[in-house]
Amino acid sequence: MSVGLLALLDDVAGLVKVAAASLDDVAGQAAKAGVKAAGAVIDDAAVTPNYVQGFAADRELPIVGKIAWGSIKNKLLFLLPAALLLSFFAPWLITPLLMIGGAYLCYEGAEKVFHMLAPHEAEHHEASLEPAAVDAQTLENQKVGGAIKTDFILSAEIMTIILAAIEVGDFWTRAAILAVAGIGITVLVYGAVALIVKGDDFGLWMARNGRTPVGRGFGRGLVVGMPYFMQTL
């Protein structure tokens, strides 16, 4: 009886070791894939803060939270299954999709720069028009919806980069790596966004409550500098 129990415990210990090794492999592969997606991640972090401009300070973090939740749903409910199907049925499409996604992001960036340097007359006319009256909740919903749609495009590029970087062939391990990397990147990006959008509030707190002149000066610098930082970003 005791010999059989010891054998069972030994088998369980072996399974635990295999599971731990698999988890380590998933974490390592997810981290490596996340690094390769850094370019698209930075683009995502740079775009999102614009969506909370103009809202009351107490709505900034809830808006970021809604966008982050939408981003997670984009990755896990839509893009992860699509990526797995792609890798199973048409792995040869991964590289062309990466090229198309990269070309689109380049086009989008070049278009923004071009319109900034040479704005069209119609844009001046639209800017001079008074915006239609919209209540705060409707405006918030519109902004969040627009941000989630933009995130879908960037998340598709991120998930494709992660998929291309995965070096294992097992279906479930690949799915776990995509999920871990997708969630990790989302937390990292929107955590950074939350810090950015609350930077001026933190600066105001430092300016009022800093214990040293240096701390209060740093706070005032944040309050003055954050609008310029947001515009540059």
C-alpha atoms as a PDB file:
ATOM      1  CA  MET A   1       0.000   0.000   0.000  1.00  0.00           C
ATOM      2  CA  SER A   2       2.752   2.461   1.008  1.00  0.00           C
ATOM      3  CA  VAL A   3       4.839   1.530  -2.052  1.00  0.00           C
ATOM      4  CA  GLY A   4       1.882   2.250  -4.339  1.00  0.00           C
ATOM      5  CA  LEU A   5       1.255   5.582  -2.602  1.00  0.00           C
ATOM      6  CA  LEU A   6       4.902   6.577  -2.962  1.00  0.00           C
ATOM      7  CA  ALA A   7       4.801   5.660  -6.649  1.00  0.00           C
ATOM      8  CA  LEU A   8       1.661   7.767  -7.108  1.00  0.00           C
ATOM      9  CA  LEU A   9       3.257  10.725  -5.323  1.00  0.00           C
ATOM     10  CA  ASP A  10       6.354  10.325  -7.498  1.00  0.00           C
ATOM     11  CA  ASP A  11       4.190  10.433 -10.631  1.00  0.00           C
ATOM     12  CA  VAL A  12       2.383  13.526  -9.340  1.00  0.00           C
ATOM     13  CA  ALA A  13       5.717  15.212  -8.615  1.00  0.00           C
ATOM     14  CA  GLY A  14       6.838  14.408 -12.156  1.00  0.00           C
ATOM     15  CA  LEU A  15       3.675  15.925 -13.610  1.00  0.00           C
ATOM     16  CA  VAL A  16       4.136  19.048 -11.476  1.00  0.00           C
ATOM     17  CA  LYS A  17       7.702  19.434 -12.768  1.00  0.00           C
ATOM     18  CA  VAL A  18       6.514  19.089 -16.365  1.00  0.00           C
ATOM     19  CA  ALA A  19       3.734  21.630 -15.753  1.00  0.00           C
ATOM     20  CA  ALA A  20       6.180  24.061 -14.130  1.00  0.00           C
ATOM     21  CA  ALA A  21       8.570  23.696 -17.059  1.00  0.00           C
ATOM     22  CA  SER A  22       5.692  24.349 -19.464  1.00  0.00           C
ATOM     23  CA  LEU A  23       4.676  27.476 -17.537  1.00  0.00           C
ATOM     24  CA  ASP A  24       8.274  28.710 -17.565  1.00  0.00           C
ATOM     25  CA  ASP A  25       8.388  28.097 -21.315  1.00  0.00           C
ATOM     26  CA  VAL A  26       5.124  29.984 -21.836  1.00  0.00           C
ATOM     27  CA  ALA A  27       6.333  32.936 -19.734  1.00  0.00           C
ATOM     28  CA  GLY A  28       9.708  33.036 -21.480  1.00  0.00           C
ATOM     29  CA  GLN A  29       8.213  32.816 -24.971  1.00  0.00           C
ATOM     30  CA  ALA A  30       5.589  35.445 -24.096  1.00  0.00           C
ATOM     31  CA  ALA A  31       8.257  37.855 -22.828  1.00  0.00           C
ATOM     32  CA  LYS A  32      10.416  37.311 -25.918  1.00  0.00           C
ATOM     33  CA  ALA A  33       7.458  37.810 -28.257  1.00  0.00           C
ATOM     34  CA  GLY A  34       6.378  40.911 -26.336  1.00  0.00           C
ATOM     35  CA  VAL A  35       9.790  42.514 -26.873  1.00  0.00           C
ATOM     36  CA  LYS A  36       9.488  41.972 -30.629  1.00  0.00           C
ATOM     37  CA  ALA A  37       6.102  43.724 -30.591  1.00  0.00           C
ATOM     38  CA  ALA A  38       7.573  46.801 -28.868  1.00  0.00           C
ATOM     39  CA  GLY A  39       7.188  49.086 -31.899  1.00  0.00           C
ATOM     40  CA  ALA A  40       3.444  48.549 -32.203  1.00  0.00           C
ATOM     41  CA  VAL A  41       3.096  48.683 -28.405  1.00  0.00           C
ATOM     42  CA  ILE A  42       4.719  52.134 -28.280  1.00  0.00           C
ATOM     43  CA  ASP A  43       2.354  53.306 -31.032  1.00  0.00           C
ATOM     44  CA  ASP A  44      -0.606  52.053 -28.981  1.00  0.00           C
ATOM     45  CA  ALA A  45       0.622  53.844 -25.850  1.00  0.00           C
ATOM     46  CA  ALA A  46       1.148  57.071 -27.789  1.00  0.00           C
ATOM     47  CA  VAL A  47      -2.311  57.107 -29.387  1.00  0.00           C
ATOM     48  CA  THR A  48      -4.537  56.320 -26.395  1.00  0.00           C
ATOM     49  CA  PRO A  49      -3.920  59.381 -24.121  1.00  0.00           C
ATOM     50  CA  ASN A  50      -5.549  61.614 -26.749  1.00  0.00           C
ATOM     51  CA  TYR A  51      -8.891  59.939 -26.107  1.00  0.00           C
ATOM     52  CA  VAL A  52      -9.135  61.215 -22.518  1.00  0.00           C
ATOM     53  CA  GLN A  53      -8.312  64.844 -23.261  1.00  0.00           C
ATOM     54  CA  GLY A  54     -11.130  67.246 -22.435  1.00  0.00           C
ATOM     55  CA  PHE A  55     -12.790  65.041 -19.804  1.00  0.00           C
ATOM     56  CA  ALA A  56     -13.082  65.706 -16.084  1.00  0.00           C
ATOM     57  CA  ALA A  57     -10.182  64.386 -14.018  1.00  0.00           C
ATOM     58  CA  ASP A  58     -12.400  61.875 -12.214  1.00  0.00           C
ATOM     59  CA  ARG A  59     -13.378  60.279 -15.562  1.00  0.00           C
ATOM     60  CA  GLU A  60      -9.854  59.801 -16.929  1.00  0.00           C
ATOM     61  CA  LEU A  61      -9.011  56.493 -15.226  1.00  0.00           C
ATOM     62  CA  PRO A  62     -12.484  54.962 -15.805  1.00  0.00           C
ATOM     63  CA  ILE A  63     -12.155  55.798 -19.509  1.00  0.00           C
ATOM     64  CA  VAL A  64      -8.686  54.231 -19.659  1.00  0.00           C
ATOM     65  CA  GLY A  65     -10.100  51.184 -17.861  1.00  0.00           C
ATOM     66  CA  LYS A  66     -12.936  50.822 -20.399  1.00  0.00           C
ATOM     67  CA  ILE A  67     -10.490  51.055 -23.303  1.00  0.00           C
ATOM     68  CA  ALA A  68      -8.153  48.527 -21.654  1.00  0.00           C
ATOM     69  CA  TRP A  69     -11.032  46.077 -21.147  1.00  0.00           C
ATOM     70  CA  GLY A  70     -12.043  46.543 -24.785  1.00  0.00           C
ATOM     71  CA  SER A  71      -8.434  45.893 -25.806  1.00  0.00           C
ATOM     72  CA  ILE A  72      -8.341  42.628 -23.839  1.00  0.00           C
ATOM     73  CA  LYS A  73     -11.597  41.516 -25.486  1.00  0.00           C
ATOM     74  CA  ASN A  74     -10.172  42.428 -28.905  1.00  0.00           C
ATOM     75  CA  LYS A  75      -7.134  40.255 -28.271  1.00  0.00           C
ATOM     76  CA  LEU A  76      -8.703  37.260 -26.529  1.00  0.00           C
ATOM     77  CA  LEU A  77     -12.143  36.963 -28.144  1.00  0.00           C
ATOM     78  CA  PHE A  78     -11.340  37.909 -31.741  1.00  0.00           C
ATOM     79  CA  LEU A  79      -7.647  38.100 -32.554  1.00  0.00           C
ATOM     80  CA  LEU A  80      -6.356  35.097 -30.578  1.00  0.00           C
ATOM     81  CA  PRO A  81      -8.736  32.591 -32.263  1.00  0.00           C
ATOM     82  CA  ALA A  82      -8.020  34.193 -35.643  1.00  0.00           C
ATOM     83  CA  ALA A  83      -4.260  33.931 -35.045  1.00  0.00           C
ATOM     84  CA  LEU A  84      -4.519  30.267 -34.044  1.00  0.00           C
ATOM     85  CA  LEU A  85      -6.612  29.432 -37.105  1.00  0.00           C
ATOM     86  CA  LEU A  86      -4.137  31.303 -39.274  1.00  0.00           C
ATOM     87  CA  SER A  87      -1.153  29.434 -37.835  1.00  0.00           C
ATOM     88  CA  PHE A  88      -2.951  26.098 -38.272  1.00  0.00           C
ATOM     89  CA  PHE A  89      -4.396  26.495 -41.775  1.00  0.00           C
ATOM     90  CA  ALA A  90      -2.267  29.171 -43.482  1.00  0.00           C
ATOM     91  CA  PRO A  91       1.027  29.835 -41.639  1.00  0.00           C
ATOM     92  CA  TRP A  92       2.513  31.164 -44.875  1.00  0.00           C
ATOM     93  CA  LEU A  93       0.214  34.202 -44.551  1.00  0.00           C
ATOM     94  CA  ILE A  94       1.836  35.443 -41.328  1.00  0.00           C
ATOM     95  CA  THR A  95       4.767  37.264 -42.970  1.00  0.00           C
ATOM     96  CA  PRO A  96       2.633  38.960 -45.681  1.00  0.00           C
ATOM     97  CA  LEU A  97       0.192  40.109 -42.983  1.00  0.00           C
ATOM     98  CA  LEU A  98       3.058  41.569 -40.971  1.00  0.00           C
ATOM     99  CA  MET A  99       4.227  43.437 -44.072  1.00  0.00           C
ATOM    100  CA  ILE A 100       0.723  44.753 -44.787  1.00  0.00           C
ATOM    101  CA  GLY A 101       0.253  45.835 -41.167  1.00  0.00           C
ATOM    102  CA  GLY A 102       3.628  47.564 -41.075  1.00  0.00           C
ATOM    103  CA  ALA A 103       2.909  49.313 -44.375  1.00  0.00           C
ATOM    104  CA  TYR A 104      -0.465  50.515 -43.052  1.00  0.00           C
ATOM    105  CA  LEU A 105       1.097  51.938 -39.879  1.00  0.00           C
ATOM    106  CA  CYS A 106       3.766  53.680 -41.982  1.00  0.00           C
ATOM    107  CA  TYR A 107       1.084  55.133 -44.253  1.00  0.00           C
ATOM    108  CA  GLU A 108      -0.975  56.308 -41.282  1.00  0.00           C
ATOM    109  CA  GLY A 109       2.035  57.997 -39.680  1.00  0.00           C
ATOM    110  CA  ALA A 110       3.126  59.628 -42.950  1.00  0.00           C
ATOM    111  CA  GLU A 111      -0.418  60.898 -43.557  1.00  0.00           C
ATOM    112  CA  LYS A 112      -0.531  62.509 -40.101  1.00  0.00           C
ATOM    113  CA  VAL A 113       2.812  64.236 -40.691  1.00  0.00           C
ATOM    114  CA  PHE A 114       1.739  65.412 -44.158  1.00  0.00           C
ATOM    115  CA  HIS A 115      -1.534  66.888 -42.883  1.00  0.00           C
ATOM    116  CA  MET A 116       0.308  68.620 -40.060  1.00  0.00           C
ATOM    117  CA  LEU A 117       2.822  70.204 -42.461  1.00  0.00           C
ATOM    118  CA  ALA A 118       0.358  70.934 -45.288  1.00  0.00           C
ATOM    119  CA  PRO A 119      -3.216  71.031 -43.941  1.00  0.00           C
ATOM    120  CA  HIS A 120      -6.051  71.068 -46.465  1.00  0.00           C
ATOM    121  CA  GLU A 121      -8.380  74.076 -46.658  1.00  0.00           C
ATOM    122  CA  ALA A 122     -11.359  71.887 -45.750  1.00  0.00           C
ATOM    123  CA  GLU A 123      -9.710  71.075 -42.433  1.00  0.00           C
ATOM    124  CA  HIS A 124      -9.546  74.786 -41.544  1.00  0.00           C
ATOM    125  CA  HIS A 125     -13.230  75.111 -42.429  1.00  0.00           C
ATOM    126  CA  GLU A 126     -14.172  72.105 -40.263  1.00  0.00           C
ATOM    127  CA  ALA A 127     -12.107  73.452 -37.376  1.00  0.00           C
ATOM    128  CA  SER A 128     -13.948  76.793 -37.567  1.00  0.00           C
ATOM    129  CA  LEU A 129     -17.356  75.137 -37.271  1.00  0.00           C
ATOM    130  CA  GLU A 130     -18.907  74.878 -33.837  1.00  0.00           C
ATOM    131  CA  PRO A 131     -19.186  71.266 -32.675  1.00  0.00           C
ATOM    132  CA  ALA A 132     -22.677  69.852 -32.181  1.00  0.00           C
ATOM    133  CA  ALA A 133     -23.860  69.807 -28.585  1.00  0.00           C
ATOM    134  CA  VAL A 134     -23.335  66.323 -27.108  1.00  0.00           C
ATOM    135  CA  ASP A 135     -23.802  65.292 -23.493  1.00  0.00           C
ATOM    136  CA  ALA A 136     -20.758  64.069 -21.574  1.00  0.00           C
ATOM    137  CA  GLN A 137     -21.839  60.408 -21.405  1.00  0.00           C
ATOM    138  CA  THR A 138     -22.488  60.197 -25.154  1.00  0.00           C
ATOM    139  CA  LEU A 139     -19.151  61.853 -25.885  1.00  0.00           C
ATOM    140  CA  GLU A 140     -17.392  59.426 -23.537  1.00  0.00           C
ATOM    141  CA  ASN A 141     -19.029  56.436 -25.224  1.00  0.00           C
ATOM    142  CA  GLN A 142     -18.037  57.769 -28.652  1.00  0.00           C
ATOM    143  CA  LYS A 143     -14.440  58.308 -27.562  1.00  0.00           C
ATOM    144  CA  VAL A 144     -14.179  54.867 -25.954  1.00  0.00           C
ATOM    145  CA  GLY A 145     -15.698  53.206 -29.030  1.00  0.00           C
ATOM    146  CA  GLY A 146     -13.268  55.021 -31.330  1.00  0.00           C
ATOM    147  CA  ALA A 147     -10.317  54.093 -29.127  1.00  0.00           C
ATOM    148  CA  ILE A 148     -11.299  50.405 -29.074  1.00  0.00           C
ATOM    149  CA  LYS A 149     -11.612  50.372 -32.878  1.00  0.00           C
ATOM    150  CA  THR A 150      -8.158  51.933 -33.210  1.00  0.00           C
ATOM    151  CA  ASP A 151      -6.822  49.459 -30.664  1.00  0.00           C
ATOM    152  CA  PHE A 152      -8.185  46.566 -32.740  1.00  0.00           C
ATOM    153  CA  ILE A 153      -5.931  47.509 -35.655  1.00  0.00           C
ATOM    154  CA  LEU A 154      -2.863  47.913 -33.443  1.00  0.00           C
ATOM    155  CA  SER A 155      -3.695  44.763 -31.470  1.00  0.00           C
ATOM    156  CA  ALA A 156      -3.977  42.783 -34.710  1.00  0.00           C
ATOM    157  CA  GLU A 157      -0.451  43.856 -35.611  1.00  0.00           C
ATOM    158  CA  ILE A 158       0.787  43.053 -32.092  1.00  0.00           C
ATOM    159  CA  MET A 159      -0.794  39.585 -32.044  1.00  0.00           C
ATOM    160  CA  THR A 160       0.572  38.784 -35.508  1.00  0.00           C
ATOM    161  CA  ILE A 161       4.075  39.794 -34.391  1.00  0.00           C
ATOM    162  CA  ILE A 162       3.721  37.607 -31.289  1.00  0.00           C
ATOM    163  CA  LEU A 163       2.485  34.698 -33.416  1.00  0.00           C
ATOM    164  CA  ALA A 164       5.460  35.024 -35.767  1.00  0.00           C
ATOM    165  CA  ALA A 165       7.857  35.041 -32.799  1.00  0.00           C
ATOM    166  CA  ILE A 166       6.519  31.843 -31.182  1.00  0.00           C
ATOM    167  CA  GLU A 167       9.009  29.003 -31.576  1.00  0.00           C
ATOM    168  CA  VAL A 168       6.864  26.069 -30.404  1.00  0.00           C
ATOM    169  CA  GLY A 169       4.475  24.019 -32.486  1.00  0.00           C
ATOM    170  CA  ASP A 170       2.070  22.781 -29.818  1.00  0.00           C
ATOM    171  CA  PHE A 171      -1.403  24.297 -30.306  1.00  0.00           C
ATOM    172  CA  TRP A 172      -2.286  24.844 -26.647  1.00  0.00           C
ATOM    173  CA  THR A 173       1.151  26.196 -25.742  1.00  0.00           C
ATOM    174  CA  ARG A 174       0.876  28.637 -28.637  1.00  0.00           C
ATOM    175  CA  ALA A 175      -2.569  29.696 -27.426  1.00  0.00           C
ATOM    176  CA  ALA A 176      -1.267  30.206 -23.874  1.00  0.00           C
ATOM    177  CA  ILE A 177       1.683  32.292 -25.108  1.00  0.00           C
ATOM    178  CA  LEU A 178      -0.620  34.493 -27.195  1.00  0.00           C
ATOM    179  CA  ALA A 179      -2.983  34.982 -24.241  1.00  0.00           C
ATOM    180  CA  VAL A 180      -0.231  35.725 -21.693  1.00  0.00           C
ATOM    181  CA  ALA A 181       1.627  38.096 -24.023  1.00  0.00           C
ATOM    182  CA  GLY A 182      -1.594  39.833 -25.095  1.00  0.00           C
ATOM    183  CA  ILE A 183      -2.794  40.423 -21.533  1.00  0.00           C
ATOM    184  CA  GLY A 184       0.689  41.420 -20.345  1.00  0.00           C
ATOM    185  CA  ILE A 185       1.118  43.961 -23.131  1.00  0.00           C
ATOM    186  CA  THR A 186      -2.361  45.389 -22.474  1.00  0.00           C
ATOM    187  CA  VAL A 187      -1.633  45.831 -18.760  1.00  0.00           C
ATOM    188  CA  LEU A 188       1.742  47.419 -19.550  1.00  0.00           C
ATOM    189  CA  VAL A 189       0.382  49.784 -22.203  1.00  0.00           C
ATOM    190  CA  TYR A 190      -2.691  50.996 -20.338  1.00  0.00           C
ATOM    191  CA  GLY A 191      -0.829  51.152 -17.043  1.00  0.00           C
ATOM    192  CA  ALA A 192       1.599  53.539 -18.756  1.00  0.00           C
ATOM    193  CA  VAL A 193      -1.330  55.458 -20.262  1.00  0.00           C
ATOM    194  CA  ALA A 194      -2.918  55.826 -16.814  1.00  0.00           C
ATOM    195  CA  LEU A 195       0.351  57.233 -15.448  1.00  0.00           C
ATOM    196  CA  ILE A 196       0.600  59.661 -18.364  1.00  0.00           C
ATOM    197  CA  VAL A 197      -2.944  61.020 -18.114  1.00  0.00           C
ATOM    198  CA  LYS A 198      -2.704  61.453 -14.329  1.00  0.00           C
ATOM    199  CA  GLY A 199       0.731  63.073 -14.508  1.00  0.00           C
ATOM    200  CA  ASP A 200      -0.658  66.599 -14.168  1.00  0.00           C
ATOM    201  CA  ASP A 201      -2.780  65.597 -11.151  1.00  0.00           C
ATOM    202  CA  PHE A 202       0.274  64.058  -9.511  1.00  0.00           C
ATOM    203  CA  GLY A 203       2.220  67.231 -10.288  1.00  0.00           C
ATOM    204  CA  LEU A 204      -0.499  69.370  -8.697  1.00  0.00           C
ATOM    205  CA  TRP A 205      -0.407  67.179  -5.575  1.00  0.00           C
ATOM    206  CA  MET A 206       3.387  67.475  -5.428  1.00  0.00           C
ATOM    207  CA  ALA A 207       3.223  71.257  -5.890  1.00  0.00           C
ATOM    208  CA  ARG A 208       0.789  71.571  -2.977  1.00  0.00           C
ATOM    209  CA  ASN A 209       2.090  68.890  -0.616  1.00  0.00           C
ATOM    210  CA  GLY A 210       5.786  68.488  -1.449  1.00  0.00           C
ATOM    211  CA  ARG A 211       7.966  68.597   1.667  1.00  0.00           C
ATOM    212  CA  THR A 212      10.929  70.227  -0.066  1.00  0.00           C
ATOM    213  CA  PRO A 213      11.258  73.127  -2.525  1.00  0.00           C
ATOM    214  CA  VAL A 214      12.707  70.680  -5.056  1.00  0.00           C
ATOM    215  CA  GLY A 215       9.644  68.430  -4.772  1.00  0.00           C
ATOM    216  CA  ARG A 216       7.225  71.346  -5.105  1.00  0.00           C
ATOM    217  CA  GLY A 217       9.204  72.694  -8.063  1.00  0.00           C
ATOM    218  CA  PHE A 218       9.098  69.274  -9.706  1.00  0.00           C
ATOM    219  CA  GLY A 219       5.319  69.212  -9.235  1.00  0.00           C
ATOM    220  CA  ARG A 220       4.894  72.644 -10.808  1.00  0.00           C
ATOM    221  CA  GLY A 221       7.099  71.519 -13.694  1.00  0.00           C
ATOM    222  CA  LEU A 222       4.835  68.515 -14.275  1.00  0.00           C
ATOM    223  CA  VAL A 223       1.706  70.685 -14.262  1.00  0.00           C
ATOM    224  CA  VAL A 224       3.219  73.105 -16.781  1.00  0.00           C
ATOM    225  CA  GLY A 225       4.927  70.473 -18.927  1.00  0.00           C
ATOM    226  CA  MET A 226       2.263  67.755 -19.247  1.00  0.00           C
ATOM    227  CA  PRO A 227       0.099  69.590 -21.848  1.00  0.00           C
ATOM    228  CA  TYR A 228       3.175  70.044 -24.066  1.00  0.00           C
ATOM    229  CA  PHE A 229       4.183  66.425 -23.478  1.00  0.00           C
ATOM    230  CA  MET A 230       0.703  65.216 -24.473  1.00  0.00           C
ATOM    231  CA  GLN A 231       0.767  67.352 -27.614  1.00  0.00           C
ATOM    232  CA  THR A 232       4.217  66.043 -28.565  1.00  0.00           C
ATOM    233  CA  LEU A 233       3.157  62.464 -27.856  1.00  0.00           C
END
